[in-house]
Amino acid sequence: MVILVGADRLGNIENLLKQRGFDEYRHITGRNPKLQKFMRSSMSGVDLMILFTDFVGHNVMRNFRKLARENKVQFIACKRTMGDVATCLDKCGYSEPQDCMKCQQCDMKRK
């Protein structure tokens, strides 16, 4: 599961996450301070946290970064653009699967 923090709308970022193998995500706008406290108890099953830096303040970023560190969740801070998110995912090892040239029935084949 991926937690996305910041921004009101995700746009095509949902599709990008699905391409990278993330079927489940939770989006938090970051506007509600009470939600930051609630998140402390609901971090089970989270693999990655992505924070959009152009939509949240420094305190929100600090709190979510600390939350990720306490729960041993990988943390990415980037702008809310397809290119920036894709670059950050690539750097963290979540690259897009490549087409398999060996056979037509391979599970790695893109749909």
PDB file of N, CA and C in Angstrom:
ATOM      1  N   MET A   1       0.839  -1.169   0.000  1.00  0.00           N
ATOM      2  CA  MET A   1       0.000   0.000   0.000  1.00  0.00           C
ATOM      3  C   MET A   1       0.888   1.238   0.000  1.00  0.00           C
ATOM      4  N   VAL A   2       0.418   2.274  -0.668  1.00  0.00           N
ATOM      5  CA  VAL A   2       1.118   3.549  -0.736  1.00  0.00           C
ATOM      6  C   VAL A   2       0.245   4.605  -0.071  1.00  0.00           C
ATOM      7  N   ILE A   3       0.855   5.462   0.720  1.00  0.00           N
ATOM      8  CA  ILE A   3       0.167   6.619   1.270  1.00  0.00           C
ATOM      9  C   ILE A   3       0.667   7.839   0.522  1.00  0.00           C
ATOM     10  N   LEU A   4      -0.260   8.616  -0.028  1.00  0.00           N
ATOM     11  CA  LEU A   4       0.057   9.839  -0.757  1.00  0.00           C
ATOM     12  C   LEU A   4      -0.384  11.023   0.089  1.00  0.00           C
ATOM     13  N   VAL A   5       0.530  11.934   0.375  1.00  0.00           N
ATOM     14  CA  VAL A   5       0.233  13.074   1.228  1.00  0.00           C
ATOM     15  C   VAL A   5       0.401  14.356   0.429  1.00  0.00           C
ATOM     16  N   GLY A   6      -0.642  15.184   0.425  1.00  0.00           N
ATOM     17  CA  GLY A   6      -0.608  16.463  -0.258  1.00  0.00           C
ATOM     18  C   GLY A   6      -1.440  16.430  -1.516  1.00  0.00           C
ATOM     19  N   ALA A   7      -1.755  17.598  -2.024  1.00  0.00           N
ATOM     20  CA  ALA A   7      -2.537  17.783  -3.252  1.00  0.00           C
ATOM     21  C   ALA A   7      -4.006  17.436  -3.025  1.00  0.00           C
ATOM     22  N   ASP A   8      -4.867  18.120  -3.735  1.00  0.00           N
ATOM     23  CA  ASP A   8      -6.299  17.837  -3.655  1.00  0.00           C
ATOM     24  C   ASP A   8      -6.704  16.749  -4.640  1.00  0.00           C
ATOM     25  N   ARG A   9      -6.041  16.723  -5.801  1.00  0.00           N
ATOM     26  CA  ARG A   9      -6.337  15.725  -6.827  1.00  0.00           C
ATOM     27  C   ARG A   9      -5.033  15.045  -7.229  1.00  0.00           C
ATOM     28  N   LEU A  10      -5.147  13.781  -7.622  1.00  0.00           N
ATOM     29  CA  LEU A  10      -3.957  13.020  -8.002  1.00  0.00           C
ATOM     30  C   LEU A  10      -3.741  12.971  -9.509  1.00  0.00           C
ATOM     31  N   GLY A  11      -4.792  13.110 -10.283  1.00  0.00           N
ATOM     32  CA  GLY A  11      -4.647  13.067 -11.732  1.00  0.00           C
ATOM     33  C   GLY A  11      -4.155  11.712 -12.200  1.00  0.00           C
ATOM     34  N   ASN A  12      -3.167  11.695 -13.082  1.00  0.00           N
ATOM     35  CA  ASN A  12      -2.648  10.450 -13.663  1.00  0.00           C
ATOM     36  C   ASN A  12      -1.668   9.710 -12.762  1.00  0.00           C
ATOM     37  N   ILE A  13      -1.403  10.238 -11.598  1.00  0.00           N
ATOM     38  CA  ILE A  13      -0.475   9.575 -10.682  1.00  0.00           C
ATOM     39  C   ILE A  13      -1.030   8.217 -10.243  1.00  0.00           C
ATOM     40  N   GLU A  14      -2.357   8.098 -10.173  1.00  0.00           N
ATOM     41  CA  GLU A  14      -2.975   6.808  -9.851  1.00  0.00           C
ATOM     42  C   GLU A  14      -2.570   5.754 -10.875  1.00  0.00           C
ATOM     43  N   ASN A  15      -2.624   6.109 -12.154  1.00  0.00           N
ATOM     44  CA  ASN A  15      -2.241   5.173 -13.219  1.00  0.00           C
ATOM     45  C   ASN A  15      -0.768   4.818 -13.139  1.00  0.00           C
ATOM     46  N   LEU A  16       0.067   5.800 -12.821  1.00  0.00           N
ATOM     47  CA  LEU A  16       1.502   5.550 -12.689  1.00  0.00           C
ATOM     48  C   LEU A  16       1.778   4.542 -11.579  1.00  0.00           C
ATOM     49  N   LEU A  17       1.085   4.691 -10.447  1.00  0.00           N
ATOM     50  CA  LEU A  17       1.269   3.751  -9.334  1.00  0.00           C
ATOM     51  C   LEU A  17       0.837   2.342  -9.727  1.00  0.00           C
ATOM     52  N   LYS A  18      -0.254   2.226 -10.477  1.00  0.00           N
ATOM     53  CA  LYS A  18      -0.708   0.905 -10.929  1.00  0.00           C
ATOM     54  C   LYS A  18       0.302   0.276 -11.876  1.00  0.00           C
ATOM     55  N   GLN A  19       0.909   1.086 -12.740  1.00  0.00           N
ATOM     56  CA  GLN A  19       1.939   0.574 -13.648  1.00  0.00           C
ATOM     57  C   GLN A  19       3.143   0.057 -12.885  1.00  0.00           C
ATOM     58  N   ARG A  20       3.425   0.666 -11.742  1.00  0.00           N
ATOM     59  CA  ARG A  20       4.590   0.277 -10.949  1.00  0.00           C
ATOM     60  C   ARG A  20       4.278  -0.840  -9.959  1.00  0.00           C
ATOM     61  N   GLY A  21       3.053  -1.362  -9.979  1.00  0.00           N
ATOM     62  CA  GLY A  21       2.721  -2.514  -9.148  1.00  0.00           C
ATOM     63  C   GLY A  21       2.007  -2.201  -7.857  1.00  0.00           C
ATOM     64  N   PHE A  22       1.610  -0.963  -7.639  1.00  0.00           N
ATOM     65  CA  PHE A  22       0.875  -0.593  -6.427  1.00  0.00           C
ATOM     66  C   PHE A  22      -0.612  -0.568  -6.743  1.00  0.00           C
ATOM     67  N   ASP A  23      -1.347  -1.560  -6.234  1.00  0.00           N
ATOM     68  CA  ASP A  23      -2.778  -1.632  -6.503  1.00  0.00           C
ATOM     69  C   ASP A  23      -3.597  -0.852  -5.484  1.00  0.00           C
ATOM     70  N   GLU A  24      -3.039  -0.662  -4.314  1.00  0.00           N
ATOM     71  CA  GLU A  24      -3.788  -0.042  -3.230  1.00  0.00           C
ATOM     72  C   GLU A  24      -3.061   1.219  -2.763  1.00  0.00           C
ATOM     73  N   TYR A  25      -3.824   2.300  -2.569  1.00  0.00           N
ATOM     74  CA  TYR A  25      -3.233   3.524  -2.056  1.00  0.00           C
ATOM     75  C   TYR A  25      -4.256   4.271  -1.205  1.00  0.00           C
ATOM     76  N   ARG A  26      -3.747   5.166  -0.380  1.00  0.00           N
ATOM     77  CA  ARG A  26      -4.587   6.033   0.437  1.00  0.00           C
ATOM     78  C   ARG A  26      -4.092   7.459   0.235  1.00  0.00           C
ATOM     79  N   HIS A  27      -5.014   8.375  -0.080  1.00  0.00           N
ATOM     80  CA  HIS A  27      -4.647   9.759  -0.343  1.00  0.00           C
ATOM     81  C   HIS A  27      -5.079  10.637   0.825  1.00  0.00           C
ATOM     82  N   ILE A  28      -4.129  11.431   1.321  1.00  0.00           N
ATOM     83  CA  ILE A  28      -4.377  12.367   2.421  1.00  0.00           C
ATOM     84  C   ILE A  28      -3.999  13.753   1.915  1.00  0.00           C
ATOM     85  N   THR A  29      -4.907  14.725   2.036  1.00  0.00           N
ATOM     86  CA  THR A  29      -4.594  16.057   1.530  1.00  0.00           C
ATOM     87  C   THR A  29      -3.560  16.769   2.387  1.00  0.00           C
ATOM     88  N   GLY A  30      -3.467  16.434   3.651  1.00  0.00           N
ATOM     89  CA  GLY A  30      -2.500  17.075   4.534  1.00  0.00           C
ATOM     90  C   GLY A  30      -3.041  18.328   5.196  1.00  0.00           C
ATOM     91  N   ARG A  31      -4.267  18.686   4.908  1.00  0.00           N
ATOM     92  CA  ARG A  31      -4.858  19.905   5.474  1.00  0.00           C
ATOM     93  C   ARG A  31      -5.363  19.729   6.898  1.00  0.00           C
ATOM     94  N   ASN A  32      -5.740  18.500   7.248  1.00  0.00           N
ATOM     95  CA  ASN A  32      -6.345  18.247   8.549  1.00  0.00           C
ATOM     96  C   ASN A  32      -5.293  17.744   9.542  1.00  0.00           C
ATOM     97  N   PRO A  33      -4.941  18.568  10.538  1.00  0.00           N
ATOM     98  CA  PRO A  33      -3.915  18.131  11.514  1.00  0.00           C
ATOM     99  C   PRO A  33      -4.335  16.910  12.335  1.00  0.00           C
ATOM    100  N   LYS A  34      -5.641  16.713  12.550  1.00  0.00           N
ATOM    101  CA  LYS A  34      -6.105  15.559  13.321  1.00  0.00           C
ATOM    102  C   LYS A  34      -5.793  14.259  12.595  1.00  0.00           C
ATOM    103  N   LEU A  35      -5.780  14.305  11.284  1.00  0.00           N
ATOM    104  CA  LEU A  35      -5.501  13.099  10.503  1.00  0.00           C
ATOM    105  C   LEU A  35      -4.065  12.626  10.699  1.00  0.00           C
ATOM    106  N   GLN A  36      -3.151  13.551  10.949  1.00  0.00           N
ATOM    107  CA  GLN A  36      -1.761  13.172  11.206  1.00  0.00           C
ATOM    108  C   GLN A  36      -1.664  12.317  12.461  1.00  0.00           C
ATOM    109  N   LYS A  37      -2.455  12.646  13.471  1.00  0.00           N
ATOM    110  CA  LYS A  37      -2.447  11.853  14.698  1.00  0.00           C
ATOM    111  C   LYS A  37      -3.110  10.500  14.471  1.00  0.00           C
ATOM    112  N   PHE A  38      -4.160  10.464  13.657  1.00  0.00           N
ATOM    113  CA  PHE A  38      -4.844   9.210  13.346  1.00  0.00           C
ATOM    114  C   PHE A  38      -3.925   8.265  12.588  1.00  0.00           C
ATOM    115  N   MET A  39      -3.092   8.801  11.722  1.00  0.00           N
ATOM    116  CA  MET A  39      -2.207   7.976  10.896  1.00  0.00           C
ATOM    117  C   MET A  39      -1.214   7.190  11.732  1.00  0.00           C
ATOM    118  N   ARG A  40      -0.883   7.644  12.900  1.00  0.00           N
ATOM    119  CA  ARG A  40       0.074   6.937  13.752  1.00  0.00           C
ATOM    120  C   ARG A  40      -0.393   5.516  14.061  1.00  0.00           C
ATOM    121  N   SER A  41      -1.709   5.322  14.144  1.00  0.00           N
ATOM    122  CA  SER A  41      -2.229   4.000  14.494  1.00  0.00           C
ATOM    123  C   SER A  41      -2.588   3.153  13.279  1.00  0.00           C
ATOM    124  N   SER A  42      -2.539   3.715  12.072  1.00  0.00           N
ATOM    125  CA  SER A  42      -2.983   2.965  10.901  1.00  0.00           C
ATOM    126  C   SER A  42      -1.893   2.827   9.842  1.00  0.00           C
ATOM    127  N   MET A  43      -0.694   2.460  10.262  1.00  0.00           N
ATOM    128  CA  MET A  43       0.423   2.333   9.324  1.00  0.00           C
ATOM    129  C   MET A  43       0.751   0.882   8.987  1.00  0.00           C
ATOM    130  N   SER A  44      -0.056  -0.056   9.437  1.00  0.00           N
ATOM    131  CA  SER A  44       0.241  -1.459   9.129  1.00  0.00           C
ATOM    132  C   SER A  44      -0.047  -1.738   7.657  1.00  0.00           C
ATOM    133  N   GLY A  45       0.846  -2.465   7.022  1.00  0.00           N
ATOM    134  CA  GLY A  45       0.682  -2.824   5.621  1.00  0.00           C
ATOM    135  C   GLY A  45       1.113  -1.753   4.634  1.00  0.00           C
ATOM    136  N   VAL A  46       1.709  -0.683   5.120  1.00  0.00           N
ATOM    137  CA  VAL A  46       2.149   0.405   4.245  1.00  0.00           C
ATOM    138  C   VAL A  46       3.582   0.132   3.797  1.00  0.00           C
ATOM    139  N   ASP A  47       3.813   0.172   2.472  1.00  0.00           N
ATOM    140  CA  ASP A  47       5.138  -0.068   1.919  1.00  0.00           C
ATOM    141  C   ASP A  47       5.884   1.219   1.602  1.00  0.00           C
ATOM    142  N   LEU A  48       5.137   2.261   1.241  1.00  0.00           N
ATOM    143  CA  LEU A  48       5.754   3.484   0.739  1.00  0.00           C
ATOM    144  C   LEU A  48       4.885   4.682   1.070  1.00  0.00           C
ATOM    145  N   MET A  49       5.530   5.798   1.411  1.00  0.00           N
ATOM    146  CA  MET A  49       4.825   7.056   1.624  1.00  0.00           C
ATOM    147  C   MET A  49       5.415   8.085   0.665  1.00  0.00           C
ATOM    148  N   ILE A  50       4.532   8.724  -0.118  1.00  0.00           N
ATOM    149  CA  ILE A  50       4.954   9.769  -1.053  1.00  0.00           C
ATOM    150  C   ILE A  50       4.338  11.072  -0.595  1.00  0.00           C
ATOM    151  N   LEU A  51       5.176  12.076  -0.375  1.00  0.00           N
ATOM    152  CA  LEU A  51       4.723  13.385   0.061  1.00  0.00           C
ATOM    153  C   LEU A  51       4.970  14.388  -1.061  1.00  0.00           C
ATOM    154  N   PHE A  52       3.933  15.130  -1.445  1.00  0.00           N
ATOM    155  CA  PHE A  52       4.048  16.126  -2.503  1.00  0.00           C
ATOM    156  C   PHE A  52       4.449  17.461  -1.868  1.00  0.00           C
ATOM    157  N   THR A  53       5.681  17.859  -2.102  1.00  0.00           N
ATOM    158  CA  THR A  53       6.264  19.009  -1.408  1.00  0.00           C
ATOM    159  C   THR A  53       5.651  20.340  -1.813  1.00  0.00           C
ATOM    160  N   ASP A  54       5.066  20.422  -2.994  1.00  0.00           N
ATOM    161  CA  ASP A  54       4.513  21.702  -3.425  1.00  0.00           C
ATOM    162  C   ASP A  54       3.107  21.948  -2.880  1.00  0.00           C
ATOM    163  N   PHE A  55       2.588  21.068  -2.014  1.00  0.00           N
ATOM    164  CA  PHE A  55       1.246  21.241  -1.474  1.00  0.00           C
ATOM    165  C   PHE A  55       1.173  21.195   0.049  1.00  0.00           C
ATOM    166  N   VAL A  56       2.275  20.955   0.729  1.00  0.00           N
ATOM    167  CA  VAL A  56       2.247  20.882   2.191  1.00  0.00           C
ATOM    168  C   VAL A  56       3.338  21.778   2.778  1.00  0.00           C
ATOM    169  N   GLY A  57       3.156  22.138   4.041  1.00  0.00           N
ATOM    170  CA  GLY A  57       4.129  22.971   4.726  1.00  0.00           C
ATOM    171  C   GLY A  57       5.235  22.153   5.370  1.00  0.00           C
ATOM    172  N   HIS A  58       6.185  22.860   5.943  1.00  0.00           N
ATOM    173  CA  HIS A  58       7.344  22.205   6.547  1.00  0.00           C
ATOM    174  C   HIS A  58       6.967  21.337   7.744  1.00  0.00           C
ATOM    175  N   ASN A  59       6.025  21.809   8.568  1.00  0.00           N
ATOM    176  CA  ASN A  59       5.635  21.023   9.743  1.00  0.00           C
ATOM    177  C   ASN A  59       4.956  19.721   9.347  1.00  0.00           C
ATOM    178  N   VAL A  60       4.093  19.785   8.342  1.00  0.00           N
ATOM    179  CA  VAL A  60       3.421  18.577   7.869  1.00  0.00           C
ATOM    180  C   VAL A  60       4.458  17.599   7.322  1.00  0.00           C
ATOM    181  N   MET A  61       5.417  18.122   6.553  1.00  0.00           N
ATOM    182  CA  MET A  61       6.451  17.254   6.000  1.00  0.00           C
ATOM    183  C   MET A  61       7.260  16.608   7.114  1.00  0.00           C
ATOM    184  N   ARG A  62       7.640  17.382   8.097  1.00  0.00           N
ATOM    185  CA  ARG A  62       8.431  16.851   9.206  1.00  0.00           C
ATOM    186  C   ARG A  62       7.658  15.756   9.947  1.00  0.00           C
ATOM    187  N   ASN A  63       6.368  15.987  10.191  1.00  0.00           N
ATOM    188  CA  ASN A  63       5.563  15.006  10.925  1.00  0.00           C
ATOM    189  C   ASN A  63       5.417  13.694  10.155  1.00  0.00           C
ATOM    190  N   PHE A  64       5.146  13.778   8.859  1.00  0.00           N
ATOM    191  CA  PHE A  64       4.974  12.550   8.081  1.00  0.00           C
ATOM    192  C   PHE A  64       6.298  11.837   7.857  1.00  0.00           C
ATOM    193  N   ARG A  65       7.385  12.576   7.699  1.00  0.00           N
ATOM    194  CA  ARG A  65       8.699  11.943   7.562  1.00  0.00           C
ATOM    195  C   ARG A  65       9.054  11.186   8.845  1.00  0.00           C
ATOM    196  N   LYS A  66       8.760  11.794   9.981  1.00  0.00           N
ATOM    197  CA  LYS A  66       9.015  11.149  11.267  1.00  0.00           C
ATOM    198  C   LYS A  66       8.146   9.903  11.428  1.00  0.00           C
ATOM    199  N   LEU A  67       6.889  10.012  11.014  1.00  0.00           N
ATOM    200  CA  LEU A  67       5.973   8.874  11.084  1.00  0.00           C
ATOM    201  C   LEU A  67       6.469   7.711  10.228  1.00  0.00           C
ATOM    202  N   ALA A  68       6.948   8.011   9.034  1.00  0.00           N
ATOM    203  CA  ALA A  68       7.486   6.972   8.151  1.00  0.00           C
ATOM    204  C   ALA A  68       8.723   6.331   8.769  1.00  0.00           C
ATOM    205  N   ARG A  69       9.600   7.145   9.332  1.00  0.00           N
ATOM    206  CA  ARG A  69      10.827   6.623   9.938  1.00  0.00           C
ATOM    207  C   ARG A  69      10.498   5.723  11.126  1.00  0.00           C
ATOM    208  N   GLU A  70       9.540   6.133  11.971  1.00  0.00           N
ATOM    209  CA  GLU A  70       9.174   5.335  13.149  1.00  0.00           C
ATOM    210  C   GLU A  70       8.597   3.976  12.756  1.00  0.00           C
ATOM    211  N   ASN A  71       7.901   3.934  11.618  1.00  0.00           N
ATOM    212  CA  ASN A  71       7.252   2.696  11.180  1.00  0.00           C
ATOM    213  C   ASN A  71       8.051   1.946  10.120  1.00  0.00           C
ATOM    214  N   LYS A  72       9.285   2.413   9.880  1.00  0.00           N
ATOM    215  CA  LYS A  72      10.182   1.779   8.903  1.00  0.00           C
ATOM    216  C   LYS A  72       9.532   1.648   7.523  1.00  0.00           C
ATOM    217  N   VAL A  73       8.916   2.753   7.089  1.00  0.00           N
ATOM    218  CA  VAL A  73       8.269   2.834   5.784  1.00  0.00           C
ATOM    219  C   VAL A  73       9.133   3.711   4.895  1.00  0.00           C
ATOM    220  N   GLN A  74       9.363   3.265   3.663  1.00  0.00           N
ATOM    221  CA  GLN A  74      10.157   4.062   2.728  1.00  0.00           C
ATOM    222  C   GLN A  74       9.424   5.366   2.427  1.00  0.00           C
ATOM    223  N   PHE A  75      10.163   6.473   2.385  1.00  0.00           N
ATOM    224  CA  PHE A  75       9.583   7.815   2.255  1.00  0.00           C
ATOM    225  C   PHE A  75      10.170   8.508   1.029  1.00  0.00           C
ATOM    226  N   ILE A  76       9.283   9.096   0.219  1.00  0.00           N
ATOM    227  CA  ILE A  76       9.694   9.870  -0.944  1.00  0.00           C
ATOM    228  C   ILE A  76       9.050  11.246  -0.844  1.00  0.00           C
ATOM    229  N   ALA A  77       9.839  12.290  -1.029  1.00  0.00           N
ATOM    230  CA  ALA A  77       9.326  13.659  -1.102  1.00  0.00           C
ATOM    231  C   ALA A  77       9.604  14.171  -2.508  1.00  0.00           C
ATOM    232  N   CYS A  78       8.548  14.581  -3.219  1.00  0.00           N
ATOM    233  CA  CYS A  78       8.711  15.049  -4.594  1.00  0.00           C
ATOM    234  C   CYS A  78       7.575  16.000  -4.951  1.00  0.00           C
ATOM    235  N   LYS A  79       7.686  16.624  -6.111  1.00  0.00           N
ATOM    236  CA  LYS A  79       6.616  17.481  -6.609  1.00  0.00           C
ATOM    237  C   LYS A  79       5.526  16.604  -7.217  1.00  0.00           C
ATOM    238  N   ARG A  80       4.325  17.177  -7.355  1.00  0.00           N
ATOM    239  CA  ARG A  80       3.208  16.410  -7.900  1.00  0.00           C
ATOM    240  C   ARG A  80       3.177  16.547  -9.428  1.00  0.00           C
ATOM    241  N   THR A  81       4.175  15.975 -10.052  1.00  0.00           N
ATOM    242  CA  THR A  81       4.206  15.864 -11.505  1.00  0.00           C
ATOM    243  C   THR A  81       4.520  14.424 -11.848  1.00  0.00           C
ATOM    244  N   MET A  82       4.016  13.977 -12.982  1.00  0.00           N
ATOM    245  CA  MET A  82       4.255  12.588 -13.392  1.00  0.00           C
ATOM    246  C   MET A  82       5.748  12.301 -13.515  1.00  0.00           C
ATOM    247  N   GLY A  83       6.483  13.226 -14.109  1.00  0.00           N
ATOM    248  CA  GLY A  83       7.915  13.023 -14.309  1.00  0.00           C
ATOM    249  C   GLY A  83       8.678  12.920 -13.010  1.00  0.00           C
ATOM    250  N   ASP A  84       8.372  13.790 -12.063  1.00  0.00           N
ATOM    251  CA  ASP A  84       9.084  13.795 -10.793  1.00  0.00           C
ATOM    252  C   ASP A  84       8.760  12.537  -9.976  1.00  0.00           C
ATOM    253  N   VAL A  85       7.499  12.153  -9.947  1.00  0.00           N
ATOM    254  CA  VAL A  85       7.106  10.953  -9.211  1.00  0.00           C
ATOM    255  C   VAL A  85       7.757   9.726  -9.845  1.00  0.00           C
ATOM    256  N   ALA A  86       7.742   9.646 -11.175  1.00  0.00           N
ATOM    257  CA  ALA A  86       8.351   8.504 -11.869  1.00  0.00           C
ATOM    258  C   ALA A  86       9.847   8.430 -11.592  1.00  0.00           C
ATOM    259  N   THR A  87      10.533   9.570 -11.618  1.00  0.00           N
ATOM    260  CA  THR A  87      11.970   9.599 -11.340  1.00  0.00           C
ATOM    261  C   THR A  87      12.263   9.134  -9.923  1.00  0.00           C
ATOM    262  N   CYS A  88      11.494   9.611  -8.956  1.00  0.00           N
ATOM    263  CA  CYS A  88      11.701   9.212  -7.559  1.00  0.00           C
ATOM    264  C   CYS A  88      11.417   7.725  -7.360  1.00  0.00           C
ATOM    265  N   LEU A  89      10.373   7.212  -8.010  1.00  0.00           N
ATOM    266  CA  LEU A  89      10.081   5.782  -7.897  1.00  0.00           C
ATOM    267  C   LEU A  89      11.199   4.945  -8.509  1.00  0.00           C
ATOM    268  N   ASP A  90      11.740   5.409  -9.635  1.00  0.00           N
ATOM    269  CA  ASP A  90      12.866   4.698 -10.267  1.00  0.00           C
ATOM    270  C   ASP A  90      14.067   4.653  -9.340  1.00  0.00           C
ATOM    271  N   LYS A  91      14.390   5.776  -8.702  1.00  0.00           N
ATOM    272  CA  LYS A  91      15.543   5.837  -7.801  1.00  0.00           C
ATOM    273  C   LYS A  91      15.382   4.923  -6.598  1.00  0.00           C
ATOM    274  N   CYS A  92      14.138   4.687  -6.187  1.00  0.00           N
ATOM    275  CA  CYS A  92      13.884   3.843  -5.019  1.00  0.00           C
ATOM    276  C   CYS A  92      13.660   2.382  -5.373  1.00  0.00           C
ATOM    277  N   GLY A  93      13.805   2.038  -6.646  1.00  0.00           N
ATOM    278  CA  GLY A  93      13.705   0.646  -7.046  1.00  0.00           C
ATOM    279  C   GLY A  93      12.327   0.201  -7.502  1.00  0.00           C
ATOM    280  N   TYR A  94      11.418   1.125  -7.695  1.00  0.00           N
ATOM    281  CA  TYR A  94      10.078   0.780  -8.170  1.00  0.00           C
ATOM    282  C   TYR A  94       9.953   1.140  -9.644  1.00  0.00           C
ATOM    283  N   SER A  95      10.805   0.552 -10.464  1.00  0.00           N
ATOM    284  CA  SER A  95      10.804   0.885 -11.883  1.00  0.00           C
ATOM    285  C   SER A  95       9.699   0.136 -12.613  1.00  0.00           C
ATOM    286  N   GLU A  96       9.373   0.636 -13.790  1.00  0.00           N
ATOM    287  CA  GLU A  96       8.322   0.053 -14.596  1.00  0.00           C
ATOM    288  C   GLU A  96       8.791  -1.287 -15.151  1.00  0.00           C
ATOM    289  N   PRO A  97       7.950  -2.338 -15.103  1.00  0.00           N
ATOM    290  CA  PRO A  97       8.361  -3.636 -15.644  1.00  0.00           C
ATOM    291  C   PRO A  97       8.574  -3.548 -17.148  1.00  0.00           C
ATOM    292  N   GLN A  98       9.586  -4.254 -17.625  1.00  0.00           N
ATOM    293  CA  GLN A  98       9.911  -4.252 -19.048  1.00  0.00           C
ATOM    294  C   GLN A  98       9.196  -5.400 -19.743  1.00  0.00           C
ATOM    295  N   ASP A  99       8.981  -5.258 -21.045  1.00  0.00           N
ATOM    296  CA  ASP A  99       8.378  -6.342 -21.831  1.00  0.00           C
ATOM    297  C   ASP A  99       9.317  -7.539 -21.872  1.00  0.00           C
ATOM    298  N   CYS A 100       8.750  -8.703 -21.734  1.00  0.00           N
ATOM    299  CA  CYS A 100       9.529  -9.936 -21.815  1.00  0.00           C
ATOM    300  C   CYS A 100       9.565 -10.387 -23.262  1.00  0.00           C
ATOM    301  N   MET A 101      10.744 -10.650 -23.771  1.00  0.00           N
ATOM    302  CA  MET A 101      10.889 -11.045 -25.163  1.00  0.00           C
ATOM    303  C   MET A 101      10.930 -12.568 -25.333  1.00  0.00           C
ATOM    304  N   LYS A 102      10.888 -13.326 -24.257  1.00  0.00           N
ATOM    305  CA  LYS A 102      11.057 -14.776 -24.351  1.00  0.00           C
ATOM    306  C   LYS A 102       9.805 -15.489 -24.853  1.00  0.00           C
ATOM    307  N   CYS A 103       8.634 -15.059 -24.378  1.00  0.00           N
ATOM    308  CA  CYS A 103       7.422 -15.770 -24.761  1.00  0.00           C
ATOM    309  C   CYS A 103       6.210 -14.858 -24.709  1.00  0.00           C
ATOM    310  N   GLN A 104       5.122 -15.295 -25.231  1.00  0.00           N
ATOM    311  CA  GLN A 104       3.898 -14.500 -25.238  1.00  0.00           C
ATOM    312  C   GLN A 104       3.092 -14.682 -23.955  1.00  0.00           C
ATOM    313  N   GLN A 105       3.348 -15.736 -23.185  1.00  0.00           N
ATOM    314  CA  GLN A 105       2.554 -16.039 -22.014  1.00  0.00           C
ATOM    315  C   GLN A 105       3.181 -15.551 -20.705  1.00  0.00           C
ATOM    316  N   CYS A 106       4.267 -14.821 -20.778  1.00  0.00           N
ATOM    317  CA  CYS A 106       5.005 -14.404 -19.590  1.00  0.00           C
ATOM    318  C   CYS A 106       4.177 -13.469 -18.719  1.00  0.00           C
ATOM    319  N   ASP A 107       4.283 -13.612 -17.403  1.00  0.00           N
ATOM    320  CA  ASP A 107       3.569 -12.753 -16.464  1.00  0.00           C
ATOM    321  C   ASP A 107       4.097 -11.326 -16.469  1.00  0.00           C
ATOM    322  N   MET A 108       5.321 -11.143 -16.908  1.00  0.00           N
ATOM    323  CA  MET A 108       5.924  -9.806 -16.901  1.00  0.00           C
ATOM    324  C   MET A 108       5.458  -8.960 -18.092  1.00  0.00           C
ATOM    325  N   LYS A 109       4.733  -9.551 -19.009  1.00  0.00           N
ATOM    326  CA  LYS A 109       4.280  -8.823 -20.195  1.00  0.00           C
ATOM    327  C   LYS A 109       3.308  -7.732 -19.779  1.00  0.00           C
ATOM    328  N   ARG A 110       3.503  -6.529 -20.283  1.00  0.00           N
ATOM    329  CA  ARG A 110       2.605  -5.423 -19.969  1.00  0.00           C
ATOM    330  C   ARG A 110       1.235  -5.668 -20.578  1.00  0.00           C
ATOM    331  N   LYS A 111       0.233  -5.230 -19.890  1.00  0.00           N
ATOM    332  CA  LYS A 111      -1.147  -5.403 -20.377  1.00  0.00           C
ATOM    333  C   LYS A 111      -1.562  -4.198 -21.188  1.00  0.00           C
TER     334      LYS A 111
END
